[in-house]
Amino acid sequence: MDATERDLFLQFLWTQDEADAIGTPDQLKEWLVSLELLDPAVTVTEADVRLARHVRAATRGLCAANSGWPLDPRTTATIEELNALAPLQVTVRPDATLAVVAGGTGVARALSSLLAIGYEATVSGEFMRFKACKACGWAFFDESRNASKKWCDMGSCGTRSKMKAYRERKKQAEARA
């Protein structure tokens, strides 16, 4: 997986913070067109927005599972729904190797393209490095040597988590004394 694909995958995971960047048909269309995943002539519906939100949640659920949390049972159903609309297909690259590409049309195809990136990351062994922060739940790519990172940012979430654990230990020690 190259850095561009990794960034694209993370960009999808980060489309919701205080505001949802794919919360309306117009926003979803603008976002997908800007990434060249969707033809500007395609009409985007509320059903497409619902599907995109569900696929984002399912993908975040996979990141959380990579961080040790249980897999949300809705994840599988969502991925199966997307596969029914735009199944991944095996094709031959010009260099005579195999690739997985999105089938289908419209928004489902665009979302399936993102899923193909996740599949390629799985095959290369990198998908396990897509994780969810133990403190804030934000998805991140673990670039540490041993893939043991627990927080999106040690300076904020890591420090807060360690301070919280320290205060809890101190409180328990005082209670015993």
C-alpha atoms as a PDB file:
ATOM      1  CA  MET A   1       0.000   0.000   0.000  1.00  0.00           C
ATOM      2  CA  ASP A   2       1.415   3.349  -0.932  1.00  0.00           C
ATOM      3  CA  ALA A   3       1.089   6.524   1.111  1.00  0.00           C
ATOM      4  CA  THR A   4      -1.515   7.995  -1.261  1.00  0.00           C
ATOM      5  CA  GLU A   5      -3.849   5.037  -0.775  1.00  0.00           C
ATOM      6  CA  ARG A   6      -3.265   5.081   2.994  1.00  0.00           C
ATOM      7  CA  ASP A   7      -4.089   8.787   3.103  1.00  0.00           C
ATOM      8  CA  LEU A   8      -7.222   8.294   1.001  1.00  0.00           C
ATOM      9  CA  PHE A   9      -8.419   5.525   3.311  1.00  0.00           C
ATOM     10  CA  LEU A  10      -7.748   7.665   6.401  1.00  0.00           C
ATOM     11  CA  GLN A  11      -9.420  10.646   4.774  1.00  0.00           C
ATOM     12  CA  PHE A  12     -12.599   8.572   4.475  1.00  0.00           C
ATOM     13  CA  LEU A  13     -12.369   7.566   8.130  1.00  0.00           C
ATOM     14  CA  TRP A  14     -11.911  11.229   9.096  1.00  0.00           C
ATOM     15  CA  THR A  15     -14.953  12.597   7.238  1.00  0.00           C
ATOM     16  CA  GLN A  16     -16.755  13.073  10.535  1.00  0.00           C
ATOM     17  CA  ASP A  17     -15.515  15.202  13.390  1.00  0.00           C
ATOM     18  CA  GLU A  18     -17.575  18.084  14.756  1.00  0.00           C
ATOM     19  CA  ALA A  19     -19.221  18.329  11.332  1.00  0.00           C
ATOM     20  CA  ASP A  20     -19.936  15.511   8.897  1.00  0.00           C
ATOM     21  CA  ALA A  21     -18.149  16.102   5.576  1.00  0.00           C
ATOM     22  CA  ILE A  22     -20.408  13.543   3.868  1.00  0.00           C
ATOM     23  CA  GLY A  23     -23.616  14.355   5.748  1.00  0.00           C
ATOM     24  CA  THR A  24     -25.711  15.451   2.781  1.00  0.00           C
ATOM     25  CA  PRO A  25     -25.966  14.297  -0.842  1.00  0.00           C
ATOM     26  CA  ASP A  26     -24.222  17.499  -2.003  1.00  0.00           C
ATOM     27  CA  GLN A  27     -21.391  17.109   0.518  1.00  0.00           C
ATOM     28  CA  LEU A  28     -20.868  13.443  -0.341  1.00  0.00           C
ATOM     29  CA  LYS A  29     -20.861  14.195  -4.051  1.00  0.00           C
ATOM     30  CA  GLU A  30     -18.407  17.086  -3.640  1.00  0.00           C
ATOM     31  CA  TRP A  31     -16.083  14.950  -1.513  1.00  0.00           C
ATOM     32  CA  LEU A  32     -16.099  11.954  -3.887  1.00  0.00           C
ATOM     33  CA  VAL A  33     -15.737  14.121  -7.014  1.00  0.00           C
ATOM     34  CA  SER A  34     -12.791  15.982  -5.433  1.00  0.00           C
ATOM     35  CA  LEU A  35     -11.051  12.630  -4.959  1.00  0.00           C
ATOM     36  CA  GLU A  36     -11.880  11.576  -8.523  1.00  0.00           C
ATOM     37  CA  LEU A  37     -13.871   8.611  -7.225  1.00  0.00           C
ATOM     38  CA  LEU A  38     -17.164   9.807  -8.714  1.00  0.00           C
ATOM     39  CA  ASP A  39     -18.196  11.348 -12.011  1.00  0.00           C
ATOM     40  CA  PRO A  40     -19.673  14.848 -11.478  1.00  0.00           C
ATOM     41  CA  ALA A  41     -22.721  13.876 -13.559  1.00  0.00           C
ATOM     42  CA  VAL A  42     -23.796  11.201 -11.052  1.00  0.00           C
ATOM     43  CA  THR A  43     -26.779  12.032  -8.844  1.00  0.00           C
ATOM     44  CA  VAL A  44     -26.206  11.366  -5.138  1.00  0.00           C
ATOM     45  CA  THR A  45     -29.205  10.466  -2.968  1.00  0.00           C
ATOM     46  CA  GLU A  46     -29.999  10.282   0.742  1.00  0.00           C
ATOM     47  CA  ALA A  47     -29.688   6.482   0.415  1.00  0.00           C
ATOM     48  CA  ASP A  48     -26.122   6.986  -0.852  1.00  0.00           C
ATOM     49  CA  VAL A  49     -25.355   9.174   2.170  1.00  0.00           C
ATOM     50  CA  ARG A  50     -26.777   6.500   4.493  1.00  0.00           C
ATOM     51  CA  LEU A  51     -24.649   3.849   2.807  1.00  0.00           C
ATOM     52  CA  ALA A  52     -21.510   6.018   3.015  1.00  0.00           C
ATOM     53  CA  ARG A  53     -22.086   6.668   6.719  1.00  0.00           C
ATOM     54  CA  HIS A  54     -22.621   2.978   7.401  1.00  0.00           C
ATOM     55  CA  VAL A  55     -19.524   1.971   5.430  1.00  0.00           C
ATOM     56  CA  ARG A  56     -17.491   4.604   7.308  1.00  0.00           C
ATOM     57  CA  ALA A  57     -18.773   3.275  10.645  1.00  0.00           C
ATOM     58  CA  ALA A  58     -18.036  -0.305   9.596  1.00  0.00           C
ATOM     59  CA  THR A  59     -14.529   0.632   8.506  1.00  0.00           C
ATOM     60  CA  ARG A  60     -13.932   2.454  11.779  1.00  0.00           C
ATOM     61  CA  GLY A  61     -15.228  -0.671  13.509  1.00  0.00           C
ATOM     62  CA  LEU A  62     -12.512  -2.677  11.787  1.00  0.00           C
ATOM     63  CA  CYS A  63      -9.922  -0.179  13.032  1.00  0.00           C
ATOM     64  CA  ALA A  64     -11.312  -0.523  16.557  1.00  0.00           C
ATOM     65  CA  ALA A  65     -11.078  -4.317  16.266  1.00  0.00           C
ATOM     66  CA  ASN A  66      -7.421  -3.892  15.284  1.00  0.00           C
ATOM     67  CA  SER A  67      -7.029  -2.022  18.597  1.00  0.00           C
ATOM     68  CA  GLY A  68      -8.433  -4.941  20.563  1.00  0.00           C
ATOM     69  CA  TRP A  69     -12.106  -3.983  20.802  1.00  0.00           C
ATOM     70  CA  PRO A  70     -14.756  -6.532  19.819  1.00  0.00           C
ATOM     71  CA  LEU A  71     -15.964  -6.391  16.227  1.00  0.00           C
ATOM     72  CA  ASP A  72     -19.359  -4.714  15.877  1.00  0.00           C
ATOM     73  CA  PRO A  73     -21.712  -7.321  14.331  1.00  0.00           C
ATOM     74  CA  ARG A  74     -23.164  -4.636  12.040  1.00  0.00           C
ATOM     75  CA  THR A  75     -19.789  -4.339  10.304  1.00  0.00           C
ATOM     76  CA  THR A  76     -20.149  -7.585   8.390  1.00  0.00           C
ATOM     77  CA  ALA A  77     -23.707  -6.813   7.305  1.00  0.00           C
ATOM     78  CA  THR A  78     -22.669  -3.371   6.032  1.00  0.00           C
ATOM     79  CA  ILE A  79     -19.737  -4.732   4.036  1.00  0.00           C
ATOM     80  CA  GLU A  80     -22.006  -7.426   2.575  1.00  0.00           C
ATOM     81  CA  GLU A  81     -24.559  -4.744   1.618  1.00  0.00           C
ATOM     82  CA  LEU A  82     -21.862  -2.787  -0.222  1.00  0.00           C
ATOM     83  CA  ASN A  83     -20.588  -5.937  -1.919  1.00  0.00           C
ATOM     84  CA  ALA A  84     -24.094  -6.669  -3.191  1.00  0.00           C
ATOM     85  CA  LEU A  85     -24.227  -3.213  -4.784  1.00  0.00           C
ATOM     86  CA  ALA A  86     -20.636  -2.956  -6.019  1.00  0.00           C
ATOM     87  CA  PRO A  87     -18.705  -6.209  -5.638  1.00  0.00           C
ATOM     88  CA  LEU A  88     -14.941  -6.228  -5.720  1.00  0.00           C
ATOM     89  CA  GLN A  89     -13.561  -7.870  -8.823  1.00  0.00           C
ATOM     90  CA  VAL A  90     -10.204  -9.419  -9.630  1.00  0.00           C
ATOM     91  CA  THR A  91      -8.471  -8.006 -12.700  1.00  0.00           C
ATOM     92  CA  VAL A  92      -5.056  -8.268 -14.353  1.00  0.00           C
ATOM     93  CA  ARG A  93      -2.641  -5.329 -14.167  1.00  0.00           C
ATOM     94  CA  PRO A  94      -0.366  -4.426 -17.121  1.00  0.00           C
ATOM     95  CA  ASP A  95       2.573  -5.992 -15.215  1.00  0.00           C
ATOM     96  CA  ALA A  96       0.745  -9.364 -15.218  1.00  0.00           C
ATOM     97  CA  THR A  97      -0.175  -9.256 -11.530  1.00  0.00           C
ATOM     98  CA  LEU A  98      -3.662  -9.442 -10.073  1.00  0.00           C
ATOM     99  CA  ALA A  99      -5.531  -6.511  -8.569  1.00  0.00           C
ATOM    100  CA  VAL A 100      -8.871  -6.058  -6.853  1.00  0.00           C
ATOM    101  CA  VAL A 101     -11.034  -3.262  -8.262  1.00  0.00           C
ATOM    102  CA  ALA A 102     -14.490  -1.953  -7.525  1.00  0.00           C
ATOM    103  CA  GLY A 103     -17.429  -3.046  -9.569  1.00  0.00           C
ATOM    104  CA  GLY A 104     -20.841  -1.419  -9.709  1.00  0.00           C
ATOM    105  CA  THR A 105     -21.602   2.216 -10.405  1.00  0.00           C
ATOM    106  CA  GLY A 106     -21.994   5.572  -8.714  1.00  0.00           C
ATOM    107  CA  VAL A 107     -21.449   6.098  -5.017  1.00  0.00           C
ATOM    108  CA  ALA A 108     -21.434   2.351  -4.289  1.00  0.00           C
ATOM    109  CA  ARG A 109     -18.520   1.937  -6.715  1.00  0.00           C
ATOM    110  CA  ALA A 110     -16.651   4.832  -5.081  1.00  0.00           C
ATOM    111  CA  LEU A 111     -17.132   3.302  -1.628  1.00  0.00           C
ATOM    112  CA  SER A 112     -16.138  -0.098  -2.955  1.00  0.00           C
ATOM    113  CA  SER A 113     -12.916   1.498  -4.257  1.00  0.00           C
ATOM    114  CA  LEU A 114     -12.119   2.488  -0.684  1.00  0.00           C
ATOM    115  CA  LEU A 115     -12.869  -1.056   0.426  1.00  0.00           C
ATOM    116  CA  ALA A 116     -10.437  -2.323  -2.225  1.00  0.00           C
ATOM    117  CA  ILE A 117      -7.719  -0.226  -0.580  1.00  0.00           C
ATOM    118  CA  GLY A 118      -8.536  -1.907   2.725  1.00  0.00           C
ATOM    119  CA  TYR A 119      -8.369  -5.307   1.055  1.00  0.00           C
ATOM    120  CA  GLU A 120      -4.974  -4.539  -0.499  1.00  0.00           C
ATOM    121  CA  ALA A 121      -3.757  -3.391   2.927  1.00  0.00           C
ATOM    122  CA  THR A 122      -4.963  -6.680   4.388  1.00  0.00           C
ATOM    123  CA  VAL A 123      -3.093  -8.680   1.748  1.00  0.00           C
ATOM    124  CA  SER A 124       0.098  -6.677   2.329  1.00  0.00           C
ATOM    125  CA  GLY A 125      -0.226  -7.098   6.107  1.00  0.00           C
ATOM    126  CA  GLU A 126      -0.691  -3.367   6.748  1.00  0.00           C
ATOM    127  CA  PHE A 127      -4.394  -3.307   7.607  1.00  0.00           C
ATOM    128  CA  MET A 128      -3.702  -4.327  11.206  1.00  0.00           C
ATOM    129  CA  ARG A 129      -1.940  -0.949  11.556  1.00  0.00           C
ATOM    130  CA  PHE A 130      -5.215   0.946  10.997  1.00  0.00           C
ATOM    131  CA  LYS A 131      -6.394   1.421  14.575  1.00  0.00           C
ATOM    132  CA  ALA A 132      -8.740   3.468  16.728  1.00  0.00           C
ATOM    133  CA  CYS A 133      -7.367   5.631  19.522  1.00  0.00           C
ATOM    134  CA  LYS A 134      -8.101   4.171  22.960  1.00  0.00           C
ATOM    135  CA  ALA A 135      -8.840   7.664  24.297  1.00  0.00           C
ATOM    136  CA  CYS A 136     -10.850   9.474  21.617  1.00  0.00           C
ATOM    137  CA  GLY A 137     -11.768   6.734  19.100  1.00  0.00           C
ATOM    138  CA  TRP A 138     -10.148   8.613  16.192  1.00  0.00           C
ATOM    139  CA  ALA A 139      -8.769   6.327  13.475  1.00  0.00           C
ATOM    140  CA  PHE A 140      -5.051   6.449  12.804  1.00  0.00           C
ATOM    141  CA  PHE A 141      -2.324   4.501  11.022  1.00  0.00           C
ATOM    142  CA  ASP A 142       0.184   3.008  13.453  1.00  0.00           C
ATOM    143  CA  GLU A 143       3.630   3.690  12.023  1.00  0.00           C
ATOM    144  CA  SER A 144       5.517   2.501  15.097  1.00  0.00           C
ATOM    145  CA  ARG A 145       8.108  -0.180  14.500  1.00  0.00           C
ATOM    146  CA  ASN A 146       6.301  -2.880  16.486  1.00  0.00           C
ATOM    147  CA  ALA A 147       2.729  -1.714  15.698  1.00  0.00           C
ATOM    148  CA  SER A 148       1.927  -1.204  19.377  1.00  0.00           C
ATOM    149  CA  LYS A 149       0.651   2.371  19.325  1.00  0.00           C
ATOM    150  CA  LYS A 150      -2.526   2.856  21.377  1.00  0.00           C
ATOM    151  CA  TRP A 151      -3.273   6.554  20.886  1.00  0.00           C
ATOM    152  CA  CYS A 152      -3.662   8.769  17.857  1.00  0.00           C
ATOM    153  CA  ASP A 153      -1.291  11.294  19.445  1.00  0.00           C
ATOM    154  CA  MET A 154       0.907  10.712  22.460  1.00  0.00           C
ATOM    155  CA  GLY A 155       1.056  14.453  23.176  1.00  0.00           C
ATOM    156  CA  SER A 156      -2.672  14.745  23.752  1.00  0.00           C
ATOM    157  CA  CYS A 157      -4.618  11.489  24.057  1.00  0.00           C
ATOM    158  CA  GLY A 158      -1.688   9.449  25.374  1.00  0.00           C
ATOM    159  CA  THR A 159      -0.783  12.001  28.009  1.00  0.00           C
ATOM    160  CA  ARG A 160      -4.405  12.370  29.143  1.00  0.00           C
ATOM    161  CA  SER A 161      -4.826   8.595  29.377  1.00  0.00           C
ATOM    162  CA  LYS A 162      -1.606   8.139  31.332  1.00  0.00           C
ATOM    163  CA  MET A 163      -2.485  10.991  33.707  1.00  0.00           C
ATOM    164  CA  LYS A 164      -5.945   9.515  34.276  1.00  0.00           C
ATOM    165  CA  ALA A 165      -4.422   6.114  35.085  1.00  0.00           C
ATOM    166  CA  TYR A 166      -1.864   7.770  37.394  1.00  0.00           C
ATOM    167  CA  ARG A 167      -4.569   9.679  39.297  1.00  0.00           C
ATOM    168  CA  GLU A 168      -6.640   6.495  39.633  1.00  0.00           C
ATOM    169  CA  ARG A 169      -3.653   4.570  41.028  1.00  0.00           C
ATOM    170  CA  LYS A 170      -2.876   7.409  43.418  1.00  0.00           C
ATOM    171  CA  LYS A 171      -6.514   7.552  44.586  1.00  0.00           C
ATOM    172  CA  GLN A 172      -6.548   3.793  45.211  1.00  0.00           C
ATOM    173  CA  ALA A 173      -3.253   3.971  47.129  1.00  0.00           C
ATOM    174  CA  GLU A 174      -4.632   6.767  49.318  1.00  0.00           C
ATOM    175  CA  ALA A 175      -7.797   4.752  49.969  1.00  0.00           C
ATOM    176  CA  ARG A 176      -5.720   1.781  51.145  1.00  0.00           C
ATOM    177  CA  ALA A 177      -3.602   3.933  53.443  1.00  0.00           C
END
